[in-house]
Amino acid sequence: SQDPVPVFKWLIFGCGGVGGYFGARLAQQGQHVTFMARGQTLAALKQHGVRIKSICGDLTVPPDKLGHPIDSAAVASVCSEPEEKRRRIEGAFDADVIVLGCKAWEVERCLPLCAQWCGPETLVLPLQNGVEGFDRIRRMTGDWGRGRALAGCCNIVSAIQEPGLIRHWAASPPYITFGEFEGTPSDKVKQIQAIFDASPGMAGHLEDQAMSKIWEKFAFIC
């Protein structure tokens, strides 16, 4: 018999065409998914949850099936305080996986907002659209002294139709390519693959040589 699919705590930074789509599919599978967003998107998540219109099947994940959404603007104001005065954010938890649904050039601004959700065993999975941000993500996560970064990117054609509503119209199923920067995948990384395998409307490609696969993807795009 197959091992049961583990249930992880996921912090998804951003609820756009990437974070919104994959976060919704993970929640559909039964994962504990919490979004960090702001403004109209934050309000939409609180009111309606996350919605996708997709060639792989439409989906609404209502608010009661998601973790309470986190206001990135409020987190940013805490992060601007001097470190010795910085308070613990109410409701912060140690995520199993932090998914960065931001653009590569936004990493310097976005990743620090996730620091309080990074515990000793947390994995940081970027789903960005470029290879130039990986060294930065590894360095910043290393500076925290806890958790570690993975290499990752995704293949999806999607966009925000309105706040909290993602339209996906090409790439079927959308997939995430990911893996360790060096060496063979840890048990926890293999568990992520098992979760992706069990999640409808998406796929995961765990690669032993993740960076070379990601370089191939961007060489093709360019």
C-alpha atoms as a PDB file:
ATOM      1  CA  SER A   1       0.000   0.000   0.000  1.00  0.00           C
ATOM      2  CA  GLN A   2       1.119   3.538  -0.678  1.00  0.00           C
ATOM      3  CA  ASP A   3       2.271   5.758   2.137  1.00  0.00           C
ATOM      4  CA  PRO A   4      -0.332   8.372   3.084  1.00  0.00           C
ATOM      5  CA  VAL A   5       0.332  11.815   1.621  1.00  0.00           C
ATOM      6  CA  PRO A   6       1.845  14.042   4.333  1.00  0.00           C
ATOM      7  CA  VAL A   7       0.044  17.246   5.248  1.00  0.00           C
ATOM      8  CA  PHE A   8       2.436  20.197   5.295  1.00  0.00           C
ATOM      9  CA  LYS A   9       2.018  23.795   6.397  1.00  0.00           C
ATOM     10  CA  TRP A  10       2.582  26.002   3.338  1.00  0.00           C
ATOM     11  CA  LEU A  11       3.156  29.759   3.347  1.00  0.00           C
ATOM     12  CA  ILE A  12       2.497  31.089  -0.157  1.00  0.00           C
ATOM     13  CA  PHE A  13       3.942  34.556  -0.730  1.00  0.00           C
ATOM     14  CA  GLY A  14       1.661  36.228  -3.278  1.00  0.00           C
ATOM     15  CA  CYS A  15      -1.675  35.218  -4.757  1.00  0.00           C
ATOM     16  CA  GLY A  16      -1.045  35.964  -8.431  1.00  0.00           C
ATOM     17  CA  GLY A  17      -0.961  33.731 -11.476  1.00  0.00           C
ATOM     18  CA  VAL A  18       1.677  31.473  -9.911  1.00  0.00           C
ATOM     19  CA  GLY A  19       1.162  31.518  -6.135  1.00  0.00           C
ATOM     20  CA  GLY A  20      -2.609  31.707  -6.390  1.00  0.00           C
ATOM     21  CA  TYR A  21      -2.854  28.780  -8.790  1.00  0.00           C
ATOM     22  CA  PHE A  22      -0.480  26.354  -7.096  1.00  0.00           C
ATOM     23  CA  GLY A  23      -1.633  27.375  -3.604  1.00  0.00           C
ATOM     24  CA  ALA A  24      -5.244  26.628  -4.560  1.00  0.00           C
ATOM     25  CA  ARG A  25      -4.311  23.210  -5.975  1.00  0.00           C
ATOM     26  CA  LEU A  26      -2.353  22.322  -2.827  1.00  0.00           C
ATOM     27  CA  ALA A  27      -5.310  23.353  -0.661  1.00  0.00           C
ATOM     28  CA  GLN A  28      -7.603  21.279  -2.889  1.00  0.00           C
ATOM     29  CA  GLN A  29      -5.419  18.257  -2.087  1.00  0.00           C
ATOM     30  CA  GLY A  30      -5.851  18.871   1.640  1.00  0.00           C
ATOM     31  CA  GLN A  31      -2.652  20.767   2.479  1.00  0.00           C
ATOM     32  CA  HIS A  32      -2.633  23.570   5.078  1.00  0.00           C
ATOM     33  CA  VAL A  33      -2.167  26.641   2.852  1.00  0.00           C
ATOM     34  CA  THR A  34      -1.802  30.227   4.063  1.00  0.00           C
ATOM     35  CA  PHE A  35      -1.379  33.144   1.654  1.00  0.00           C
ATOM     36  CA  MET A  36       0.530  36.357   2.323  1.00  0.00           C
ATOM     37  CA  ALA A  37      -0.992  39.179   0.279  1.00  0.00           C
ATOM     38  CA  ARG A  38      -2.087  42.799   0.546  1.00  0.00           C
ATOM     39  CA  GLY A  39      -4.751  45.293  -0.464  1.00  0.00           C
ATOM     40  CA  GLN A  40      -7.623  44.090  -2.632  1.00  0.00           C
ATOM     41  CA  THR A  41      -6.183  40.576  -2.892  1.00  0.00           C
ATOM     42  CA  LEU A  42      -6.063  40.248   0.894  1.00  0.00           C
ATOM     43  CA  ALA A  43      -9.683  41.441   1.133  1.00  0.00           C
ATOM     44  CA  ALA A  44     -10.768  38.990  -1.602  1.00  0.00           C
ATOM     45  CA  LEU A  45      -9.038  36.068   0.146  1.00  0.00           C
ATOM     46  CA  LYS A  46     -10.824  36.899   3.403  1.00  0.00           C
ATOM     47  CA  GLN A  47     -14.201  37.198   1.685  1.00  0.00           C
ATOM     48  CA  HIS A  48     -14.135  34.525  -1.047  1.00  0.00           C
ATOM     49  CA  GLY A  49     -10.999  32.439  -0.539  1.00  0.00           C
ATOM     50  CA  VAL A  50      -8.966  31.737  -3.679  1.00  0.00           C
ATOM     51  CA  ARG A  51     -10.650  30.993  -7.019  1.00  0.00           C
ATOM     52  CA  ILE A  52      -9.252  29.632 -10.268  1.00  0.00           C
ATOM     53  CA  LYS A  53     -10.750  29.330 -13.736  1.00  0.00           C
ATOM     54  CA  SER A  54      -8.647  26.690 -15.403  1.00  0.00           C
ATOM     55  CA  ILE A  55      -8.453  24.368 -18.393  1.00  0.00           C
ATOM     56  CA  CYS A  56      -7.634  21.725 -15.753  1.00  0.00           C
ATOM     57  CA  GLY A  57     -10.916  22.400 -13.923  1.00  0.00           C
ATOM     58  CA  ASP A  58     -12.336  25.401 -12.079  1.00  0.00           C
ATOM     59  CA  LEU A  59     -11.919  25.590  -8.328  1.00  0.00           C
ATOM     60  CA  THR A  60     -12.956  27.681  -5.347  1.00  0.00           C
ATOM     61  CA  VAL A  61     -11.174  27.129  -2.036  1.00  0.00           C
ATOM     62  CA  PRO A  62     -13.332  28.959   0.535  1.00  0.00           C
ATOM     63  CA  PRO A  63     -11.778  30.968   3.361  1.00  0.00           C
ATOM     64  CA  ASP A  64     -12.490  28.261   5.953  1.00  0.00           C
ATOM     65  CA  LYS A  65     -10.315  25.810   3.973  1.00  0.00           C
ATOM     66  CA  LEU A  66      -7.320  28.173   4.078  1.00  0.00           C
ATOM     67  CA  GLY A  67      -5.164  29.547   6.851  1.00  0.00           C
ATOM     68  CA  HIS A  68      -6.076  33.111   7.886  1.00  0.00           C
ATOM     69  CA  PRO A  69      -4.451  35.288   5.187  1.00  0.00           C
ATOM     70  CA  ILE A  70      -1.478  37.392   6.254  1.00  0.00           C
ATOM     71  CA  ASP A  71      -1.262  41.103   5.456  1.00  0.00           C
ATOM     72  CA  SER A  72       2.146  41.638   3.857  1.00  0.00           C
ATOM     73  CA  ALA A  73       1.895  45.400   4.436  1.00  0.00           C
ATOM     74  CA  ALA A  74       1.510  44.842   8.201  1.00  0.00           C
ATOM     75  CA  VAL A  75       4.437  42.411   8.149  1.00  0.00           C
ATOM     76  CA  ALA A  76       6.549  44.965   6.257  1.00  0.00           C
ATOM     77  CA  SER A  77       5.944  47.555   8.967  1.00  0.00           C
ATOM     78  CA  VAL A  78       7.133  45.067  11.626  1.00  0.00           C
ATOM     79  CA  CYS A  79      10.204  44.209   9.526  1.00  0.00           C
ATOM     80  CA  SER A  80      11.121  47.895   9.320  1.00  0.00           C
ATOM     81  CA  GLU A  81      11.585  48.048  13.111  1.00  0.00           C
ATOM     82  CA  PRO A  82      15.083  47.619  14.564  1.00  0.00           C
ATOM     83  CA  GLU A  83      15.780  43.934  15.094  1.00  0.00           C
ATOM     84  CA  GLU A  84      16.084  44.164  18.879  1.00  0.00           C
ATOM     85  CA  LYS A  85      12.614  45.784  19.085  1.00  0.00           C
ATOM     86  CA  ARG A  86      10.955  43.647  16.437  1.00  0.00           C
ATOM     87  CA  ARG A  87       7.924  41.866  17.839  1.00  0.00           C
ATOM     88  CA  ARG A  88       6.788  38.353  17.030  1.00  0.00           C
ATOM     89  CA  ILE A  89       3.931  38.554  14.540  1.00  0.00           C
ATOM     90  CA  GLU A  90       0.721  37.149  15.951  1.00  0.00           C
ATOM     91  CA  GLY A  91      -0.199  33.891  14.287  1.00  0.00           C
ATOM     92  CA  ALA A  92       3.255  33.265  12.800  1.00  0.00           C
ATOM     93  CA  PHE A  93       4.018  29.562  12.502  1.00  0.00           C
ATOM     94  CA  ASP A  94       6.927  27.443  11.306  1.00  0.00           C
ATOM     95  CA  ALA A  95       6.049  26.612   7.710  1.00  0.00           C
ATOM     96  CA  ASP A  96       7.180  23.324   6.214  1.00  0.00           C
ATOM     97  CA  VAL A  97       7.512  25.092   2.864  1.00  0.00           C
ATOM     98  CA  ILE A  98       7.619  28.793   1.968  1.00  0.00           C
ATOM     99  CA  VAL A  99       6.668  29.247  -1.692  1.00  0.00           C
ATOM    100  CA  LEU A 100       7.879  32.475  -3.283  1.00  0.00           C
ATOM    101  CA  GLY A 101       5.360  33.451  -5.939  1.00  0.00           C
ATOM    102  CA  CYS A 102       7.115  36.745  -6.696  1.00  0.00           C
ATOM    103  CA  LYS A 103       9.257  37.805  -9.638  1.00  0.00           C
ATOM    104  CA  ALA A 104      13.012  37.246  -9.422  1.00  0.00           C
ATOM    105  CA  TRP A 105      13.696  40.987  -9.096  1.00  0.00           C
ATOM    106  CA  GLU A 106      11.283  41.244  -6.131  1.00  0.00           C
ATOM    107  CA  VAL A 107      13.121  38.720  -3.940  1.00  0.00           C
ATOM    108  CA  GLU A 108      15.077  41.350  -1.945  1.00  0.00           C
ATOM    109  CA  ARG A 109      11.786  42.938  -0.848  1.00  0.00           C
ATOM    110  CA  CYS A 110       9.600  39.844  -0.509  1.00  0.00           C
ATOM    111  CA  LEU A 111      11.729  37.154   1.093  1.00  0.00           C
ATOM    112  CA  PRO A 112      12.503  39.092   4.334  1.00  0.00           C
ATOM    113  CA  LEU A 113       8.738  39.325   4.967  1.00  0.00           C
ATOM    114  CA  CYS A 114       8.663  35.528   5.283  1.00  0.00           C
ATOM    115  CA  ALA A 115      11.440  35.263   7.898  1.00  0.00           C
ATOM    116  CA  GLN A 116       9.165  34.744  10.914  1.00  0.00           C
ATOM    117  CA  TRP A 117       7.573  31.731   9.193  1.00  0.00           C
ATOM    118  CA  CYS A 118      10.958  30.057   8.614  1.00  0.00           C
ATOM    119  CA  GLY A 119      11.763  27.411  11.211  1.00  0.00           C
ATOM    120  CA  PRO A 120      14.773  25.065  11.483  1.00  0.00           C
ATOM    121  CA  GLU A 121      13.290  22.549   9.014  1.00  0.00           C
ATOM    122  CA  THR A 122      11.581  24.991   6.621  1.00  0.00           C
ATOM    123  CA  LEU A 123      12.288  24.732   2.897  1.00  0.00           C
ATOM    124  CA  VAL A 124      12.101  27.869   0.731  1.00  0.00           C
ATOM    125  CA  LEU A 125      10.840  27.076  -2.784  1.00  0.00           C
ATOM    126  CA  PRO A 126      11.080  29.881  -5.374  1.00  0.00           C
ATOM    127  CA  LEU A 127       8.781  29.675  -8.409  1.00  0.00           C
ATOM    128  CA  GLN A 128      10.299  32.617 -10.182  1.00  0.00           C
ATOM    129  CA  ASN A 129      10.798  33.462 -13.818  1.00  0.00           C
ATOM    130  CA  GLY A 130      14.569  33.797 -13.925  1.00  0.00           C
ATOM    131  CA  VAL A 131      17.771  32.213 -12.716  1.00  0.00           C
ATOM    132  CA  GLU A 132      19.423  35.344 -11.362  1.00  0.00           C
ATOM    133  CA  GLY A 133      17.634  35.265  -7.999  1.00  0.00           C
ATOM    134  CA  PHE A 134      18.761  31.858  -6.740  1.00  0.00           C
ATOM    135  CA  ASP A 135      22.104  32.932  -5.248  1.00  0.00           C
ATOM    136  CA  ARG A 136      20.355  35.780  -3.479  1.00  0.00           C
ATOM    137  CA  ILE A 137      17.697  33.457  -2.037  1.00  0.00           C
ATOM    138  CA  ARG A 138      20.353  31.024  -0.801  1.00  0.00           C
ATOM    139  CA  ARG A 139      22.361  33.837   0.771  1.00  0.00           C
ATOM    140  CA  MET A 140      19.371  35.461   2.474  1.00  0.00           C
ATOM    141  CA  THR A 141      18.046  32.167   3.815  1.00  0.00           C
ATOM    142  CA  GLY A 142      21.578  31.276   4.976  1.00  0.00           C
ATOM    143  CA  ASP A 143      21.751  34.569   6.871  1.00  0.00           C
ATOM    144  CA  TRP A 144      18.655  33.572   8.855  1.00  0.00           C
ATOM    145  CA  GLY A 145      20.582  30.579  10.204  1.00  0.00           C
ATOM    146  CA  ARG A 146      17.557  28.305   9.872  1.00  0.00           C
ATOM    147  CA  GLY A 147      15.765  26.590   7.038  1.00  0.00           C
ATOM    148  CA  ARG A 148      17.255  26.288   3.574  1.00  0.00           C
ATOM    149  CA  ALA A 149      16.486  27.120  -0.016  1.00  0.00           C
ATOM    150  CA  LEU A 150      15.638  24.820  -2.897  1.00  0.00           C
ATOM    151  CA  ALA A 151      15.984  25.470  -6.610  1.00  0.00           C
ATOM    152  CA  GLY A 152      12.636  25.822  -8.317  1.00  0.00           C
ATOM    153  CA  CYS A 153      10.680  27.246 -11.220  1.00  0.00           C
ATOM    154  CA  CYS A 154       7.311  26.569 -12.792  1.00  0.00           C
ATOM    155  CA  ASN A 155       5.627  26.269 -16.166  1.00  0.00           C
ATOM    156  CA  ILE A 156       2.168  27.859 -16.308  1.00  0.00           C
ATOM    157  CA  VAL A 157       0.332  30.409 -18.440  1.00  0.00           C
ATOM    158  CA  SER A 158      -1.981  32.257 -16.086  1.00  0.00           C
ATOM    159  CA  ALA A 159      -2.915  35.720 -14.868  1.00  0.00           C
ATOM    160  CA  ILE A 160      -4.990  37.544 -12.285  1.00  0.00           C
ATOM    161  CA  GLN A 161      -8.511  38.053 -13.661  1.00  0.00           C
ATOM    162  CA  GLU A 162      -9.504  40.005 -10.566  1.00  0.00           C
ATOM    163  CA  PRO A 163      -8.104  39.993  -7.015  1.00  0.00           C
ATOM    164  CA  GLY A 164      -8.208  36.444  -5.680  1.00  0.00           C
ATOM    165  CA  LEU A 165      -9.345  34.994  -9.037  1.00  0.00           C
ATOM    166  CA  ILE A 166      -6.718  33.388 -11.292  1.00  0.00           C
ATOM    167  CA  ARG A 167      -7.325  32.451 -14.921  1.00  0.00           C
ATOM    168  CA  HIS A 168      -5.177  29.621 -16.333  1.00  0.00           C
ATOM    169  CA  TRP A 169      -5.423  28.974 -20.058  1.00  0.00           C
ATOM    170  CA  ALA A 170      -2.297  27.124 -21.246  1.00  0.00           C
ATOM    171  CA  ALA A 171       0.203  24.487 -20.013  1.00  0.00           C
ATOM    172  CA  SER A 172      -1.749  21.395 -19.022  1.00  0.00           C
ATOM    173  CA  PRO A 173      -1.072  20.449 -16.373  1.00  0.00           C
ATOM    174  CA  PRO A 174       1.071  23.285 -15.029  1.00  0.00           C
ATOM    175  CA  TYR A 175       4.169  21.914 -13.335  1.00  0.00           C
ATOM    176  CA  ILE A 176       6.860  22.817 -10.855  1.00  0.00           C
ATOM    177  CA  THR A 177      10.484  21.805 -11.501  1.00  0.00           C
ATOM    178  CA  PHE A 178      12.467  21.701  -8.268  1.00  0.00           C
ATOM    179  CA  GLY A 179      15.223  20.010  -6.285  1.00  0.00           C
ATOM    180  CA  GLU A 180      18.278  20.468  -4.119  1.00  0.00           C
ATOM    181  CA  PHE A 181      21.050  22.800  -5.216  1.00  0.00           C
ATOM    182  CA  GLU A 182      23.509  19.963  -4.665  1.00  0.00           C
ATOM    183  CA  GLY A 183      23.254  16.280  -3.943  1.00  0.00           C
ATOM    184  CA  THR A 184      20.337  13.924  -3.792  1.00  0.00           C
ATOM    185  CA  PRO A 185      16.908  15.004  -2.513  1.00  0.00           C
ATOM    186  CA  SER A 186      16.294  14.849   1.229  1.00  0.00           C
ATOM    187  CA  ASP A 187      13.355  12.865   2.576  1.00  0.00           C
ATOM    188  CA  LYS A 188      11.384  16.056   3.080  1.00  0.00           C
ATOM    189  CA  VAL A 189      11.952  17.112  -0.538  1.00  0.00           C
ATOM    190  CA  LYS A 190      10.715  13.679  -1.635  1.00  0.00           C
ATOM    191  CA  GLN A 191       7.621  14.283   0.489  1.00  0.00           C
ATOM    192  CA  ILE A 192       7.001  17.517  -1.429  1.00  0.00           C
ATOM    193  CA  GLN A 193       7.054  15.482  -4.645  1.00  0.00           C
ATOM    194  CA  ALA A 194       4.513  13.041  -3.140  1.00  0.00           C
ATOM    195  CA  ILE A 195       2.250  15.999  -2.304  1.00  0.00           C
ATOM    196  CA  PHE A 196       2.581  17.420  -5.826  1.00  0.00           C
ATOM    197  CA  ASP A 197       1.802  13.962  -7.265  1.00  0.00           C
ATOM    198  CA  ALA A 198      -1.399  13.832  -5.222  1.00  0.00           C
ATOM    199  CA  SER A 199      -2.523  17.387  -6.072  1.00  0.00           C
ATOM    200  CA  PRO A 200      -5.033  17.715  -8.930  1.00  0.00           C
ATOM    201  CA  GLY A 201      -4.466  20.093 -11.832  1.00  0.00           C
ATOM    202  CA  MET A 202      -0.690  20.256 -11.418  1.00  0.00           C
ATOM    203  CA  ALA A 203       2.486  18.159 -11.500  1.00  0.00           C
ATOM    204  CA  GLY A 204       5.882  18.201  -9.831  1.00  0.00           C
ATOM    205  CA  HIS A 205       9.199  17.311 -11.451  1.00  0.00           C
ATOM    206  CA  LEU A 206      11.772  16.534  -8.767  1.00  0.00           C
ATOM    207  CA  GLU A 207      15.193  16.618 -10.445  1.00  0.00           C
ATOM    208  CA  ASP A 208      18.556  15.423  -9.161  1.00  0.00           C
ATOM    209  CA  GLN A 209      20.186  18.114 -11.330  1.00  0.00           C
ATOM    210  CA  ALA A 210      17.568  20.784 -10.703  1.00  0.00           C
ATOM    211  CA  MET A 211      19.683  23.792 -11.686  1.00  0.00           C
ATOM    212  CA  SER A 212      20.652  22.341 -15.063  1.00  0.00           C
ATOM    213  CA  LYS A 213      16.953  21.648 -15.788  1.00  0.00           C
ATOM    214  CA  ILE A 214      16.055  25.197 -14.797  1.00  0.00           C
ATOM    215  CA  TRP A 215      18.831  26.633 -16.996  1.00  0.00           C
ATOM    216  CA  GLU A 216      17.446  24.534 -19.873  1.00  0.00           C
ATOM    217  CA  LYS A 217      13.979  26.003 -19.314  1.00  0.00           C
ATOM    218  CA  PHE A 218      15.216  29.587 -19.424  1.00  0.00           C
ATOM    219  CA  ALA A 219      17.529  28.967 -22.360  1.00  0.00           C
ATOM    220  CA  PHE A 220      14.444  27.744 -24.204  1.00  0.00           C
ATOM    221  CA  ILE A 221      12.380  30.796 -23.191  1.00  0.00           C
ATOM    222  CA  CYS A 222      15.121  33.229 -24.201  1.00  0.00           C
END
